[in-house]
Protein backbone atom coordinates (compact mmCIF):
# COMPACT_ATOMS: atom_id res chain seq x y z
CA MET A 1 0.00 0.00 0.00
CA SER A 2 1.44 3.38 -0.99
CA SER A 3 2.03 6.17 1.47
CA GLN A 4 -0.67 8.29 -0.17
CA THR A 5 -3.20 5.48 0.15
CA GLN A 6 -2.22 4.88 3.79
CA THR A 7 -2.60 8.57 4.54
CA LYS A 8 -5.98 8.77 2.84
CA ASN A 9 -7.36 5.69 4.59
CA LEU A 10 -6.11 6.62 8.06
CA ARG A 11 -7.21 10.22 7.74
CA LYS A 12 -10.68 9.01 6.80
CA LEU A 13 -10.85 6.74 9.85
CA VAL A 14 -9.52 9.39 12.24
CA ALA A 15 -11.54 12.34 10.86
CA PRO A 16 -14.70 11.69 12.96
CA PHE A 17 -12.66 12.27 16.13
CA GLU A 18 -11.23 15.63 15.01
CA LYS A 19 -14.08 17.58 16.58
CA ALA A 20 -13.86 19.66 19.73
CA ASP A 21 -16.70 19.20 22.19
CA LEU A 22 -17.37 22.40 24.18
CA LYS A 23 -18.88 20.57 27.16
CA LYS A 24 -15.96 18.13 27.37
CA SER A 25 -13.44 20.97 27.03
CA ILE A 26 -15.03 23.06 29.78
CA TRP A 27 -15.35 20.04 32.06
CA GLN A 28 -11.69 19.19 31.51
CA ILE A 29 -10.70 22.72 32.47
CA ILE A 30 -12.77 22.43 35.66
CA ASN A 31 -11.54 18.96 36.64
CA THR A 32 -7.97 20.11 36.06
CA LEU A 33 -7.80 23.60 37.56
CA VAL A 34 -9.92 23.00 40.67
CA PRO A 35 -7.85 20.00 41.90
CA PHE A 36 -4.61 21.77 40.94
CA PHE A 37 -5.31 24.89 42.98
CA ALA A 38 -6.68 22.82 45.89
CA LEU A 39 -3.56 20.64 45.93
CA TRP A 40 -1.33 23.70 45.57
CA TYR A 41 -2.93 25.21 48.67
CA LEU A 42 -2.74 21.90 50.52
CA THR A 43 0.97 21.74 49.71
CA TYR A 44 1.38 25.24 51.14
CA ILE A 45 -0.42 24.59 54.44
CA SER A 46 1.38 21.24 54.81
CA LEU A 47 4.68 23.14 54.91
CA SER A 48 3.85 24.29 58.42
CA VAL A 49 4.10 20.64 59.49
CA SER A 50 6.87 19.27 57.30
CA TYR A 51 8.30 19.61 53.81
CA TRP A 52 8.12 15.84 53.44
CA LEU A 53 4.41 15.92 54.24
CA ALA A 54 3.95 18.75 51.71
CA LEU A 55 5.68 16.62 49.11
CA VAL A 56 2.67 14.26 48.98
CA PRO A 57 0.11 16.77 47.64
CA ALA A 58 2.89 18.39 45.58
CA VAL A 59 3.33 15.18 43.58
CA PHE A 60 -0.37 15.08 42.73
CA ALA A 61 -0.40 18.82 42.00
CA ALA A 62 2.43 18.17 39.53
CA GLY A 63 0.23 15.60 37.82
CA PHE A 64 -2.52 18.18 37.39
CA MET A 65 0.03 20.69 36.13
CA THR A 66 0.80 18.13 33.44
CA ARG A 67 -2.91 18.15 32.54
CA ILE A 68 -2.74 21.95 32.39
CA PHE A 69 0.09 21.62 29.90
CA ILE A 70 -1.93 19.14 27.82
CA ILE A 71 -4.80 21.64 27.57
CA PHE A 72 -2.26 24.31 26.57
CA HIS A 73 -0.80 21.85 24.06
CA ASP A 74 -4.21 21.14 22.48
CA CYS A 75 -4.92 24.86 22.27
CA THR A 76 -1.70 25.46 20.32
CA HIS A 77 -3.00 22.92 17.78
CA TYR A 78 -6.36 24.76 17.80
CA SER A 79 -8.06 21.47 18.63
CA PHE A 80 -9.40 22.14 22.15
CA PHE A 81 -12.14 24.52 21.01
CA LYS A 82 -13.79 25.14 17.66
CA SER A 83 -13.13 28.86 18.10
CA ARG A 84 -9.63 29.99 17.18
CA LYS A 85 -9.92 32.94 19.59
CA ALA A 86 -10.94 30.65 22.45
CA ASN A 87 -7.93 28.41 21.78
CA ARG A 88 -5.60 31.42 21.86
CA ALA A 89 -7.12 32.93 25.01
CA VAL A 90 -7.29 29.72 27.04
CA GLY A 91 -3.99 28.50 25.64
CA THR A 92 -2.20 31.69 26.65
CA GLY A 93 -3.71 31.46 30.15
CA MET A 94 -2.71 27.82 30.55
CA GLY A 95 0.72 28.73 29.20
CA VAL A 96 1.15 31.19 32.07
CA LEU A 97 0.50 28.37 34.56
CA ALA A 98 2.71 25.92 32.67
CA LEU A 99 5.42 28.57 31.96
CA PHE A 100 5.10 28.21 28.17
CA PRO A 101 4.57 31.05 25.63
CA PHE A 102 1.69 30.14 23.32
CA ASP A 103 2.97 31.25 19.92
CA GLN A 104 6.62 30.36 20.35
CA TRP A 105 5.95 26.85 21.58
CA GLY A 106 3.20 26.41 18.99
CA HIS A 107 5.68 27.26 16.22
CA ASP A 108 8.40 24.90 17.46
CA HIS A 109 5.93 22.10 18.09
CA SER A 110 4.43 22.45 14.59
CA VAL A 111 7.92 22.06 13.14
CA HIS A 112 8.40 18.99 15.34
CA HIS A 113 5.23 17.42 13.94
CA ALA A 114 6.26 18.16 10.37
CA THR A 115 9.78 16.75 10.73
CA SER A 116 9.64 14.09 13.47
CA GLY A 117 11.83 11.15 12.46
CA ASN A 118 13.33 13.03 9.49
CA LEU A 119 17.12 12.73 9.76
CA ASP A 120 17.66 15.68 7.43
CA LYS A 121 15.37 18.07 9.33
CA ARG A 122 16.31 17.72 12.99
CA GLY A 123 16.88 20.47 15.51
CA VAL A 124 13.58 22.24 16.20
CA GLY A 125 11.26 21.08 18.97
CA ASP A 126 12.78 17.62 19.34
CA ILE A 127 15.29 15.64 21.39
CA TRP A 128 18.88 16.04 20.15
CA THR A 129 19.60 12.74 18.43
CA LEU A 130 22.77 11.75 16.57
CA THR A 131 23.30 8.70 14.39
CA VAL A 132 26.17 6.32 15.10
CA GLU A 133 27.98 7.60 12.01
CA GLU A 134 27.51 11.25 13.02
CA TYR A 135 28.80 10.50 16.50
CA LYS A 136 31.81 8.71 15.00
CA GLU A 137 32.68 11.77 12.90
CA ALA A 138 31.91 14.34 15.64
CA SER A 139 34.60 16.34 17.40
CA SER A 140 35.58 15.48 20.96
CA LEU A 141 33.79 18.60 22.21
CA THR A 142 30.55 17.67 20.40
CA LYS A 143 30.75 14.14 21.78
CA LEU A 144 31.18 15.54 25.29
CA LYS A 145 28.22 17.91 24.86
CA TYR A 146 26.08 15.11 23.49
CA ARG A 147 26.98 12.73 26.31
CA LEU A 148 26.14 15.41 28.88
CA TYR A 149 22.86 16.23 27.10
CA ARG A 150 21.87 12.54 27.05
CA ASN A 151 22.83 11.98 30.68
CA PRO A 152 19.57 11.36 32.64
CA ILE A 153 20.66 13.69 35.45
CA VAL A 154 21.19 16.53 32.99
CA MET A 155 18.18 15.79 30.78
CA PHE A 156 15.64 15.27 33.55
CA GLY A 157 17.28 17.34 36.28
CA LEU A 158 18.63 20.44 34.53
CA GLY A 159 16.33 20.04 31.52
CA PRO A 160 13.20 21.49 33.18
CA ILE A 161 15.15 24.46 34.56
CA TYR A 162 16.70 25.28 31.18
CA THR A 163 13.50 24.73 29.19
CA PHE A 164 11.00 26.50 31.41
CA LEU A 165 13.05 29.23 33.07
CA LEU A 166 15.55 30.12 30.33
CA LYS A 167 14.66 28.97 26.82
CA ASN A 168 10.97 29.87 27.06
CA ARG A 169 11.64 33.35 28.40
CA PHE A 170 13.36 34.68 25.27
CA ASN A 171 12.20 35.11 21.70
CA ARG A 172 13.65 32.83 19.08
CA LYS A 173 15.56 34.31 16.18
CA GLY A 174 13.20 35.34 13.39
CA ALA A 175 10.09 35.47 15.58
CA ARG A 176 7.28 37.58 14.15
CA LYS A 177 5.67 40.49 15.99
CA LYS A 178 2.64 38.50 17.25
CA GLU A 179 4.89 35.77 18.63
CA ARG A 180 7.21 38.27 20.31
CA TYR A 181 4.35 40.19 21.94
CA ASN A 182 2.74 36.97 23.14
CA LEU A 183 5.98 36.00 24.87
CA TYR A 184 6.24 39.44 26.50
CA LEU A 185 2.64 39.12 27.71
CA THR A 186 3.25 35.62 29.06
CA ASN A 187 6.41 36.68 30.89
CA PHE A 188 4.61 39.70 32.38
CA LEU A 189 1.67 37.61 33.60
CA ILE A 190 3.99 34.96 35.08
CA LEU A 191 5.89 37.67 36.97
CA LEU A 192 2.64 39.32 38.10
CA VAL A 193 1.21 36.06 39.46
CA ALA A 194 4.50 35.24 41.20
CA VAL A 195 4.69 38.66 42.85
CA LEU A 196 1.05 38.64 43.99
CA ILE A 197 1.27 35.16 45.54
CA SER A 198 4.63 36.01 47.13
CA LEU A 199 3.07 39.08 48.75
CA MET A 200 0.32 36.89 50.20
CA ILE A 201 2.35 33.93 51.50
CA GLY A 202 5.97 35.06 51.28
CA TRP A 203 8.45 34.51 48.49
CA GLN A 204 10.20 31.64 50.29
CA ALA A 205 6.99 29.64 50.63
CA PHE A 206 6.04 30.41 47.04
CA LEU A 207 9.40 29.22 45.72
CA ILE A 208 9.31 26.03 47.79
CA VAL A 209 5.72 25.12 46.85
CA HIS A 210 5.69 26.11 43.21
CA GLY A 211 9.32 25.17 42.67
CA THR A 212 8.70 21.64 43.92
CA ILE A 213 5.55 21.20 41.82
CA PHE A 214 7.26 22.71 38.80
CA MET A 215 10.30 20.41 39.03
CA ILE A 216 8.24 17.25 39.39
CA ALA A 217 5.95 18.25 36.51
CA GLY A 218 8.95 19.27 34.41
CA ILE A 219 10.68 15.93 34.92
CA LEU A 220 7.46 14.10 34.05
CA GLY A 221 6.90 16.24 30.96
CA ILE A 222 10.40 15.75 29.58
CA TRP A 223 10.22 12.02 30.33
CA LEU A 224 6.95 11.71 28.38
CA PHE A 225 8.34 13.57 25.40
CA TYR A 226 11.58 11.60 25.51
CA VAL A 227 10.13 8.11 25.84
CA GLN A 228 7.47 8.61 23.19
CA HIS A 229 10.09 9.20 20.52
CA THR A 230 13.01 7.23 21.95
CA PHE A 231 12.05 3.59 22.04
CA GLU A 232 13.08 0.31 20.48
CA ASP A 233 12.13 -0.02 16.79
CA SER A 234 11.38 3.68 16.41
CA TYR A 235 11.38 5.44 13.04
CA PHE A 236 14.06 7.64 11.48
CA GLU A 237 14.70 8.10 7.76
CA VAL A 238 16.51 10.51 5.46
CA ASP A 239 14.25 13.03 3.79
CA LYS A 240 13.85 11.20 0.47
CA ASN A 241 12.58 8.07 2.27
CA TRP A 242 10.68 9.81 5.05
CA GLU A 243 6.90 9.32 5.18
CA TYR A 244 4.56 11.29 7.43
CA VAL A 245 2.21 8.40 8.28
CA LEU A 246 5.05 6.00 9.13
CA ALA A 247 6.74 8.68 11.22
CA ALA A 248 3.48 9.12 13.14
CA VAL A 249 2.45 5.51 13.75
CA GLU A 250 5.92 3.95 13.99
CA GLY A 251 8.00 6.86 15.29
CA SER A 252 5.55 7.87 18.05
CA SER A 253 4.73 5.28 20.68
CA PHE A 254 1.51 4.19 22.34
CA TYR A 255 2.49 4.60 25.99
CA LYS A 256 0.05 2.28 27.78
CA LEU A 257 -0.26 3.73 31.26
CA PRO A 258 -2.37 2.85 34.32
CA LYS A 259 -5.69 4.75 34.26
CA ILE A 260 -4.71 7.26 36.93
CA LEU A 261 -1.53 8.20 35.05
CA GLN A 262 -3.42 8.24 31.77
CA PHE A 263 -5.82 10.75 33.34
CA LEU A 264 -3.09 12.95 34.81
CA THR A 265 -1.15 12.98 31.53
CA GLY A 266 -4.22 13.87 29.47
CA ASN A 267 -4.12 10.75 27.27
CA ILE A 268 -0.84 11.89 25.71
CA GLY A 269 0.24 8.25 25.79
CA TYR A 270 -1.77 7.88 22.58
CA HIS A 271 1.02 9.81 20.93
CA HIS A 272 0.81 7.95 17.62
CA ILE A 273 -2.70 9.31 17.07
CA HIS A 274 -1.69 12.79 18.12
CA HIS A 275 1.10 12.81 15.52
CA LEU A 276 -1.17 11.30 12.91
CA SER A 277 -3.78 14.01 13.51
CA PRO A 278 -3.03 16.87 15.93
CA ARG A 279 -6.63 18.07 15.50
CA VAL A 280 -7.96 15.21 17.63
CA PRO A 281 -8.59 16.67 21.15
CA ASN A 282 -6.85 14.81 23.96
CA TYR A 283 -10.17 13.59 25.38
CA GLU A 284 -10.94 11.79 22.09
CA LEU A 285 -7.59 10.03 21.66
CA GLU A 286 -8.48 6.83 23.53
CA LYS A 287 -11.76 6.45 21.66
CA CYS A 288 -9.99 7.09 18.37
CA HIS A 289 -7.40 4.41 19.13
CA ALA A 290 -10.06 1.86 20.12
CA ASN A 291 -12.08 2.46 16.95
CA THR A 292 -9.28 2.55 14.37
CA PRO A 293 -8.30 -1.07 13.52
CA PRO A 294 -5.10 -0.22 11.56
CA LEU A 295 -3.66 1.24 14.77
CA GLU A 296 -4.01 -1.98 16.79
CA HIS A 297 -0.40 -3.01 16.19
CA VAL A 298 1.43 0.29 16.64
CA PRO A 299 4.60 0.26 18.81
CA THR A 300 3.41 -0.11 22.41
CA ILE A 301 5.41 0.51 25.57
CA THR A 302 4.51 0.20 29.23
CA LEU A 303 5.93 1.68 32.42
CA ALA A 304 8.24 -1.31 32.74
CA THR A 305 9.42 -1.50 29.13
CA SER A 306 9.78 2.27 28.82
CA LEU A 307 12.68 2.21 31.30
CA LYS A 308 14.77 0.52 28.60
CA SER A 309 14.75 3.84 26.76
CA LEU A 310 17.20 5.24 29.29
CA LYS A 311 20.01 3.26 27.66
CA PHE A 312 19.18 4.43 24.12
CA ARG A 313 21.67 7.08 23.02
CA LEU A 314 22.31 6.93 19.26
CA TRP A 315 20.34 5.92 16.18
CA ASP A 316 21.93 3.17 14.09
CA GLU A 317 20.87 3.64 10.47
CA ASP A 318 21.93 0.11 9.51
CA SER A 319 19.88 -1.79 12.10
CA LYS A 320 17.13 0.88 12.26
CA ASN A 321 17.31 0.87 16.01
CA PHE A 322 18.55 2.86 19.00
CA VAL A 323 21.80 1.71 20.59
CA SER A 324 23.72 2.55 23.75
CA PHE A 325 27.10 4.29 23.72
CA LYS A 326 28.70 0.94 24.52
CA GLU A 327 26.97 -0.75 21.59
CA ALA A 328 27.85 2.17 19.33
CA LYS A 329 31.52 1.88 20.30
CA LYS A 330 31.45 -1.77 19.29
CA LEU A 331 29.74 -0.93 15.99
CA ILE A 332 32.29 1.80 15.22
CA SER A 333 35.19 -0.48 16.15
CA ASN A 334 33.94 -3.28 13.92
CA SER A 335 33.16 -0.92 11.03
CA VAL A 336 36.88 -0.14 10.91
CA THR A 337 37.77 -3.82 10.62
CA GLY A 338 34.87 -4.57 8.30
CA VAL A 339 33.08 -6.90 10.74
CA LYS A 340 29.29 -6.64 10.84
CA VAL A 341 27.77 -6.91 14.28
CA ASN A 342 24.15 -7.10 15.41
CA PRO A 343 23.89 -4.40 18.13
CA GLU A 344 21.17 -6.43 19.90
CA LEU A 345 23.59 -9.28 20.63
């Protein structure tokens, strides 16, 4: 079956789910914001007893912050509401809570969707990924930077701080006026909210409460993005061989999570459908998956199997698979001697 035929057939099957439902959208806002603010306050009052006690509601608040981000994410795709203005207004507001500027992130994420898995168009809105050959030819400094970037402590520890507090606070090169002004507005509103809450409860308490929630949510968010594109048997091709449908259904995983985690992560585990059609609202993803037979055998990972992704560092174009640095070293060594080695052995 040709790529065009695949695209046509899948688009036809997915199309009925590409409709925003106002009642579902409003209810999702309510069942996300109300628990988030309640848990935020519970975290604050728990501080008077113990930080470790406050950590319990903070973890759950971080889960609801992830749902806030998912609503923001849907709004940037203009899929959460039928109204474009409603998507922009709610998306900008949710972006203030999630520390993301609406237009800037929307631009980068659109590029990510259009180029995910394309080896010739990497670098915007995705995880830095080198092939084994590129790593072999890279300078010592680039190898060091890449190893640091791929280190779990750096990626999941420093990653949220860099992404949320630094990268998202400045305009990208070439940003248009609307995008620049939206970032200024977002930064101003974030500062205003921070100052007002600090005046009410003290800046130390604000930093402890929101900082803890932010770090947990940030780690979870980066992990979700990482694992849903970095898994065994993923999809990467050079531009001439790259196909959008294959990149969506083979290069984006179905992260099968327990129901509570599926709820807190806004169904983003159905990432293959989201990449296939970003216009499907998050609350329709599960139903779309269950009613689209061709998607029954997409790459599926679980909490247990997803941990294997931590060892994946480089993409091997020969085996079409991720390999560890150790496996890559063996491949590079044997390529010099002309010996072919299966990296899975």
